[in-house]
Amino acid sequence: METTRRFMLEWMSFLHRYIPLGLLEVKPQKLNWRPPPYLARDDREALLSSPKPEDWVKVSEHLLGPVGDDFHFTPKHKSNSFGAETAEG
């Protein structure tokens, strides 16, 4: 179960770094453009679209059951999931 959880969390980390298609509809694109704000329709959708690894662990708990006390997840991918508070602490 823990192998499945780690794979799922790494997959969510990897997919979170991609640019939404809405930015690619306007030509020419600028490198520093950011996606428009996203408004989730419910709590589950907000967790799935969250940039925080802690929220991804909550999603895995909904699907795979509670994590152990010693479980810790740090994304391997250099994506926008690493915030200033995560990089410092």
C-alpha atoms as a PDB file:
ATOM      1  CA  MET A   1       0.000   0.000   0.000  1.00  0.00           C
ATOM      2  CA  GLU A   2       2.849   2.397   0.838  1.00  0.00           C
ATOM      3  CA  THR A   3       4.488   1.787  -2.561  1.00  0.00           C
ATOM      4  CA  THR A   4       1.208   2.711  -4.253  1.00  0.00           C
ATOM      5  CA  ARG A   5       0.919   5.822  -2.073  1.00  0.00           C
ATOM      6  CA  ARG A   6       4.476   6.981  -2.907  1.00  0.00           C
ATOM      7  CA  PHE A   7       3.907   6.403  -6.619  1.00  0.00           C
ATOM      8  CA  MET A   8       0.629   8.346  -6.505  1.00  0.00           C
ATOM      9  CA  LEU A   9       2.209  11.273  -4.624  1.00  0.00           C
ATOM     10  CA  GLU A  10       5.189  11.446  -7.010  1.00  0.00           C
ATOM     11  CA  TRP A  11       2.793  11.338  -9.957  1.00  0.00           C
ATOM     12  CA  MET A  12       0.743  14.219  -8.517  1.00  0.00           C
ATOM     13  CA  SER A  13       3.969  16.160  -7.939  1.00  0.00           C
ATOM     14  CA  PHE A  14       5.111  15.568 -11.505  1.00  0.00           C
ATOM     15  CA  LEU A  15       1.778  16.511 -13.091  1.00  0.00           C
ATOM     16  CA  HIS A  16       1.356  19.670 -11.015  1.00  0.00           C
ATOM     17  CA  ARG A  17       4.167  21.455 -12.861  1.00  0.00           C
ATOM     18  CA  TYR A  18       2.527  21.521 -16.293  1.00  0.00           C
ATOM     19  CA  ILE A  19       1.042  24.692 -17.790  1.00  0.00           C
ATOM     20  CA  PRO A  20      -2.731  24.749 -18.392  1.00  0.00           C
ATOM     21  CA  LEU A  21      -3.814  24.814 -22.025  1.00  0.00           C
ATOM     22  CA  GLY A  22      -5.595  28.156 -21.557  1.00  0.00           C
ATOM     23  CA  LEU A  23      -2.228  29.933 -21.590  1.00  0.00           C
ATOM     24  CA  LEU A  24      -1.304  28.375 -24.914  1.00  0.00           C
ATOM     25  CA  GLU A  25      -4.372  29.748 -26.723  1.00  0.00           C
ATOM     26  CA  VAL A  26      -2.937  33.276 -26.978  1.00  0.00           C
ATOM     27  CA  LYS A  27      -0.023  33.884 -29.336  1.00  0.00           C
ATOM     28  CA  PRO A  28       2.750  34.798 -28.776  1.00  0.00           C
ATOM     29  CA  GLN A  29       3.189  33.226 -25.362  1.00  0.00           C
ATOM     30  CA  LYS A  30       5.400  34.837 -22.762  1.00  0.00           C
ATOM     31  CA  LEU A  31       7.694  32.744 -20.598  1.00  0.00           C
ATOM     32  CA  ASN A  32       6.696  34.484 -17.370  1.00  0.00           C
ATOM     33  CA  TRP A  33       2.899  34.181 -17.820  1.00  0.00           C
ATOM     34  CA  ARG A  34       1.005  32.514 -14.995  1.00  0.00           C
ATOM     35  CA  PRO A  35      -2.268  30.614 -15.224  1.00  0.00           C
ATOM     36  CA  PRO A  36      -5.444  32.473 -14.271  1.00  0.00           C
ATOM     37  CA  PRO A  37      -6.764  31.829 -10.748  1.00  0.00           C
ATOM     38  CA  TYR A  38      -8.501  28.490 -10.441  1.00  0.00           C
ATOM     39  CA  LEU A  39     -11.728  28.169  -8.481  1.00  0.00           C
ATOM     40  CA  ALA A  40     -12.567  24.630  -7.429  1.00  0.00           C
ATOM     41  CA  ARG A  41     -16.169  23.460  -7.397  1.00  0.00           C
ATOM     42  CA  ASP A  42     -15.861  21.484  -4.146  1.00  0.00           C
ATOM     43  CA  ASP A  43     -13.392  20.484  -1.423  1.00  0.00           C
ATOM     44  CA  ARG A  44     -12.101  17.399  -3.252  1.00  0.00           C
ATOM     45  CA  GLU A  45     -11.351  19.359  -6.389  1.00  0.00           C
ATOM     46  CA  ALA A  46      -9.549  21.985  -4.313  1.00  0.00           C
ATOM     47  CA  LEU A  47      -7.336  19.279  -2.759  1.00  0.00           C
ATOM     48  CA  LEU A  48      -6.527  17.800  -6.178  1.00  0.00           C
ATOM     49  CA  SER A  49      -5.515  21.194  -7.568  1.00  0.00           C
ATOM     50  CA  SER A  50      -3.550  22.291  -4.512  1.00  0.00           C
ATOM     51  CA  PRO A  51       0.170  23.082  -4.891  1.00  0.00           C
ATOM     52  CA  LYS A  52       0.922  21.799  -1.360  1.00  0.00           C
ATOM     53  CA  PRO A  53       2.320  18.282  -0.868  1.00  0.00           C
ATOM     54  CA  GLU A  54       0.407  18.026   2.440  1.00  0.00           C
ATOM     55  CA  ASP A  55      -2.866  18.246   0.514  1.00  0.00           C
ATOM     56  CA  TRP A  56      -1.719  15.483  -1.848  1.00  0.00           C
ATOM     57  CA  VAL A  57      -1.141  13.259   1.188  1.00  0.00           C
ATOM     58  CA  LYS A  58      -4.741  14.012   2.274  1.00  0.00           C
ATOM     59  CA  VAL A  59      -5.954  12.887  -1.176  1.00  0.00           C
ATOM     60  CA  SER A  60      -3.986   9.651  -0.805  1.00  0.00           C
ATOM     61  CA  GLU A  61      -5.570   9.115   2.620  1.00  0.00           C
ATOM     62  CA  HIS A  62      -9.042   9.399   1.068  1.00  0.00           C
ATOM     63  CA  LEU A  63      -8.181   6.709  -1.473  1.00  0.00           C
ATOM     64  CA  LEU A  64      -5.741   4.412   0.353  1.00  0.00           C
ATOM     65  CA  GLY A  65      -6.498   4.879   4.038  1.00  0.00           C
ATOM     66  CA  PRO A  66      -4.570   6.715   6.760  1.00  0.00           C
ATOM     67  CA  VAL A  67      -0.788   7.059   6.593  1.00  0.00           C
ATOM     68  CA  GLY A  68       1.516   5.789   9.321  1.00  0.00           C
ATOM     69  CA  ASP A  69       2.921   8.046  12.028  1.00  0.00           C
ATOM     70  CA  ASP A  70       6.420   7.917  10.518  1.00  0.00           C
ATOM     71  CA  PHE A  71       5.310   8.717   6.938  1.00  0.00           C
ATOM     72  CA  HIS A  72       6.909  11.784   5.319  1.00  0.00           C
ATOM     73  CA  PHE A  73       6.694  12.855   1.682  1.00  0.00           C
ATOM     74  CA  THR A  74       8.986  15.322  -0.103  1.00  0.00           C
ATOM     75  CA  PRO A  75       8.490  15.774  -3.873  1.00  0.00           C
ATOM     76  CA  LYS A  76      11.489  14.866  -6.037  1.00  0.00           C
ATOM     77  CA  HIS A  77      10.505  17.107  -8.926  1.00  0.00           C
ATOM     78  CA  LYS A  78      11.591  20.738  -9.009  1.00  0.00           C
ATOM     79  CA  SER A  79       8.120  22.066  -9.589  1.00  0.00           C
ATOM     80  CA  ASN A  80       6.009  24.904  -8.323  1.00  0.00           C
ATOM     81  CA  SER A  81       4.947  22.642  -5.470  1.00  0.00           C
ATOM     82  CA  PHE A  82       8.003  23.882  -3.577  1.00  0.00           C
ATOM     83  CA  GLY A  83       6.927  27.081  -1.862  1.00  0.00           C
ATOM     84  CA  ALA A  84       9.072  29.522   0.099  1.00  0.00           C
ATOM     85  CA  GLU A  85       7.951  27.973   3.381  1.00  0.00           C
ATOM     86  CA  THR A  86       8.870  24.470   2.155  1.00  0.00           C
ATOM     87  CA  ALA A  87      12.311  25.530   0.866  1.00  0.00           C
ATOM     88  CA  GLU A  88      13.259  27.187   4.156  1.00  0.00           C
ATOM     89  CA  GLY A  89      11.877  24.599   6.548  1.00  0.00           C
END
